[in-house]
Amino acid sequence: MKYRNITITCRVLEAMVLADDFRTSRQLGVELKLSSSQLSSSLAHLYKHQAVDCIEQPGTLWWYATPESDTRCRHMDERAPEKAPRLVKPHKRPCPRRKMNTAPRRD
């Protein structure tokens, strides 16, 4: 399946990884041409999943990428144990009149 658009969150993370430096949200907004609400929601999502982190100086948050600790993807190292096949209930026998479309008429 191909996606048509890259999400804003992916664009923010990609810009931070490529910069490999500390950035303020204002710098990211100017670089990516995003509104403050789009940028803050993307940063909040990435922060929640530990893909970015920040350092606070008086009045300013400096953001930096931490892609090695990103928890958004789940990695499966070992396979789950094999489960027994699920039993399927047998179907009820259909009504022969409905099968032939000859249901009794109401007069």
C-alpha atoms as a PDB file:
ATOM      1  CA  MET A   1       0.000   0.000   0.000  1.00  0.00           C
ATOM      2  CA  LYS A   2       1.406   3.387  -0.958  1.00  0.00           C
ATOM      3  CA  TYR A   3       0.714   6.467   1.078  1.00  0.00           C
ATOM      4  CA  ARG A   4       0.122   9.695  -0.780  1.00  0.00           C
ATOM      5  CA  ASN A   5       1.193  12.167   1.892  1.00  0.00           C
ATOM      6  CA  ILE A   6       3.819  12.109   4.580  1.00  0.00           C
ATOM      7  CA  THR A   7       2.376  13.028   7.964  1.00  0.00           C
ATOM      8  CA  ILE A   8       3.403  16.209   9.722  1.00  0.00           C
ATOM      9  CA  THR A   9       4.786  14.163  12.607  1.00  0.00           C
ATOM     10  CA  CYS A  10       7.084  12.256  10.242  1.00  0.00           C
ATOM     11  CA  ARG A  11       8.245  15.505   8.653  1.00  0.00           C
ATOM     12  CA  VAL A  12       9.072  16.975  12.070  1.00  0.00           C
ATOM     13  CA  LEU A  13      11.030  13.911  13.161  1.00  0.00           C
ATOM     14  CA  GLU A  14      12.884  13.729   9.861  1.00  0.00           C
ATOM     15  CA  ALA A  15      13.877  17.413  10.082  1.00  0.00           C
ATOM     16  CA  MET A  16      15.149  16.950  13.629  1.00  0.00           C
ATOM     17  CA  VAL A  17      17.147  13.831  12.764  1.00  0.00           C
ATOM     18  CA  LEU A  18      18.707  15.510   9.717  1.00  0.00           C
ATOM     19  CA  ALA A  19      19.589  18.627  11.723  1.00  0.00           C
ATOM     20  CA  ASP A  20      21.352  16.532  14.389  1.00  0.00           C
ATOM     21  CA  ASP A  21      21.250  19.545  16.688  1.00  0.00           C
ATOM     22  CA  PHE A  22      19.031  21.313  19.188  1.00  0.00           C
ATOM     23  CA  ARG A  23      16.072  23.214  17.718  1.00  0.00           C
ATOM     24  CA  THR A  24      13.365  25.410  19.155  1.00  0.00           C
ATOM     25  CA  SER A  25       9.796  24.951  18.063  1.00  0.00           C
ATOM     26  CA  ARG A  26       9.911  28.344  16.382  1.00  0.00           C
ATOM     27  CA  GLN A  27      12.906  27.287  14.257  1.00  0.00           C
ATOM     28  CA  LEU A  28      11.141  24.083  13.260  1.00  0.00           C
ATOM     29  CA  GLY A  29       7.949  25.964  12.422  1.00  0.00           C
ATOM     30  CA  VAL A  30       9.778  28.371  10.131  1.00  0.00           C
ATOM     31  CA  GLU A  31      11.771  25.602   8.472  1.00  0.00           C
ATOM     32  CA  LEU A  32       8.793  23.305   7.851  1.00  0.00           C
ATOM     33  CA  LYS A  33       6.175  26.072   7.371  1.00  0.00           C
ATOM     34  CA  LEU A  34       3.873  24.680  10.058  1.00  0.00           C
ATOM     35  CA  SER A  35       1.501  26.396  12.434  1.00  0.00           C
ATOM     36  CA  SER A  36       2.230  26.348  16.142  1.00  0.00           C
ATOM     37  CA  SER A  37      -0.690  23.981  16.835  1.00  0.00           C
ATOM     38  CA  GLN A  38       0.486  21.471  14.197  1.00  0.00           C
ATOM     39  CA  LEU A  39       4.010  21.608  15.527  1.00  0.00           C
ATOM     40  CA  SER A  40       3.089  21.357  19.196  1.00  0.00           C
ATOM     41  CA  SER A  41       0.826  18.341  18.629  1.00  0.00           C
ATOM     42  CA  SER A  42       3.553  16.594  16.594  1.00  0.00           C
ATOM     43  CA  LEU A  43       6.190  17.284  19.235  1.00  0.00           C
ATOM     44  CA  ALA A  44       3.853  16.110  22.000  1.00  0.00           C
ATOM     45  CA  HIS A  45       3.217  12.838  20.150  1.00  0.00           C
ATOM     46  CA  LEU A  46       6.927  12.283  19.503  1.00  0.00           C
ATOM     47  CA  TYR A  47       7.767  13.158  23.121  1.00  0.00           C
ATOM     48  CA  LYS A  48       5.156  10.698  24.392  1.00  0.00           C
ATOM     49  CA  HIS A  49       6.779   7.914  22.363  1.00  0.00           C
ATOM     50  CA  GLN A  50      10.318   8.996  23.318  1.00  0.00           C
ATOM     51  CA  ALA A  51      11.354   9.861  19.742  1.00  0.00           C
ATOM     52  CA  VAL A  52      12.330  13.382  20.848  1.00  0.00           C
ATOM     53  CA  ASP A  53      13.343  14.965  24.115  1.00  0.00           C
ATOM     54  CA  CYS A  54      13.794  18.520  25.295  1.00  0.00           C
ATOM     55  CA  ILE A  55      15.939  20.645  27.553  1.00  0.00           C
ATOM     56  CA  GLU A  56      14.429  23.653  29.247  1.00  0.00           C
ATOM     57  CA  GLN A  57      16.222  26.954  29.550  1.00  0.00           C
ATOM     58  CA  PRO A  58      14.421  29.936  31.024  1.00  0.00           C
ATOM     59  CA  GLY A  59      11.593  30.678  28.596  1.00  0.00           C
ATOM     60  CA  THR A  60      12.728  28.272  25.847  1.00  0.00           C
ATOM     61  CA  LEU A  61      12.478  24.550  25.140  1.00  0.00           C
ATOM     62  CA  TRP A  62      15.289  23.085  23.048  1.00  0.00           C
ATOM     63  CA  TRP A  63      14.195  19.914  21.244  1.00  0.00           C
ATOM     64  CA  TYR A  64      16.439  17.143  19.939  1.00  0.00           C
ATOM     65  CA  ALA A  65      15.807  13.794  18.273  1.00  0.00           C
ATOM     66  CA  THR A  66      16.316  10.465  20.034  1.00  0.00           C
ATOM     67  CA  PRO A  67      15.307   7.948  17.326  1.00  0.00           C
ATOM     68  CA  GLU A  68      17.115   5.034  18.997  1.00  0.00           C
ATOM     69  CA  SER A  69      14.629   5.083  21.894  1.00  0.00           C
ATOM     70  CA  ASP A  70      11.506   5.481  19.729  1.00  0.00           C
ATOM     71  CA  THR A  71       8.700   3.254  21.050  1.00  0.00           C
ATOM     72  CA  ARG A  72       6.216   3.750  18.222  1.00  0.00           C
ATOM     73  CA  CYS A  73       7.304   0.594  16.375  1.00  0.00           C
ATOM     74  CA  ARG A  74       7.030  -2.843  17.845  1.00  0.00           C
ATOM     75  CA  HIS A  75       9.832  -5.249  17.035  1.00  0.00           C
ATOM     76  CA  MET A  76       9.071  -8.944  17.106  1.00  0.00           C
ATOM     77  CA  ASP A  77      12.238 -10.874  17.911  1.00  0.00           C
ATOM     78  CA  GLU A  78      10.624 -14.220  18.589  1.00  0.00           C
ATOM     79  CA  ARG A  79       7.527 -15.855  17.208  1.00  0.00           C
ATOM     80  CA  ALA A  80       4.459 -16.463  19.291  1.00  0.00           C
ATOM     81  CA  PRO A  81       3.764 -20.098  20.189  1.00  0.00           C
ATOM     82  CA  GLU A  82       1.580 -21.889  17.712  1.00  0.00           C
ATOM     83  CA  LYS A  83      -2.089 -21.836  18.613  1.00  0.00           C
ATOM     84  CA  ALA A  84      -4.495 -24.681  18.050  1.00  0.00           C
ATOM     85  CA  PRO A  85      -6.801 -24.119  15.080  1.00  0.00           C
ATOM     86  CA  ARG A  86     -10.093 -22.508  15.931  1.00  0.00           C
ATOM     87  CA  LEU A  87     -13.144 -24.746  15.719  1.00  0.00           C
ATOM     88  CA  VAL A  88     -15.900 -23.475  13.473  1.00  0.00           C
ATOM     89  CA  LYS A  89     -19.514 -24.147  14.325  1.00  0.00           C
ATOM     90  CA  PRO A  90     -21.380 -26.128  11.675  1.00  0.00           C
ATOM     91  CA  HIS A  91     -23.942 -24.116   9.720  1.00  0.00           C
ATOM     92  CA  LYS A  92     -27.591 -24.670  10.354  1.00  0.00           C
ATOM     93  CA  ARG A  93     -29.421 -26.517   7.657  1.00  0.00           C
ATOM     94  CA  PRO A  94     -31.177 -23.977   5.427  1.00  0.00           C
ATOM     95  CA  CYS A  95     -34.921 -24.069   4.996  1.00  0.00           C
ATOM     96  CA  PRO A  96     -35.684 -25.874   1.700  1.00  0.00           C
ATOM     97  CA  ARG A  97     -38.476 -23.447   0.743  1.00  0.00           C
ATOM     98  CA  ARG A  98     -36.221 -20.414   1.123  1.00  0.00           C
ATOM     99  CA  LYS A  99     -33.542 -22.143  -0.845  1.00  0.00           C
ATOM    100  CA  MET A 100     -35.831 -22.476  -3.865  1.00  0.00           C
ATOM    101  CA  ASN A 101     -37.394 -19.009  -3.349  1.00  0.00           C
ATOM    102  CA  THR A 102     -40.796 -20.617  -2.995  1.00  0.00           C
ATOM    103  CA  ALA A 103     -41.869 -19.273   0.359  1.00  0.00           C
ATOM    104  CA  PRO A 104     -45.607 -19.686   1.005  1.00  0.00           C
ATOM    105  CA  ARG A 105     -47.743 -16.801  -0.247  1.00  0.00           C
ATOM    106  CA  ARG A 106     -50.093 -14.867   1.947  1.00  0.00           C
ATOM    107  CA  ASP A 107     -53.485 -14.347   0.323  1.00  0.00           C
END
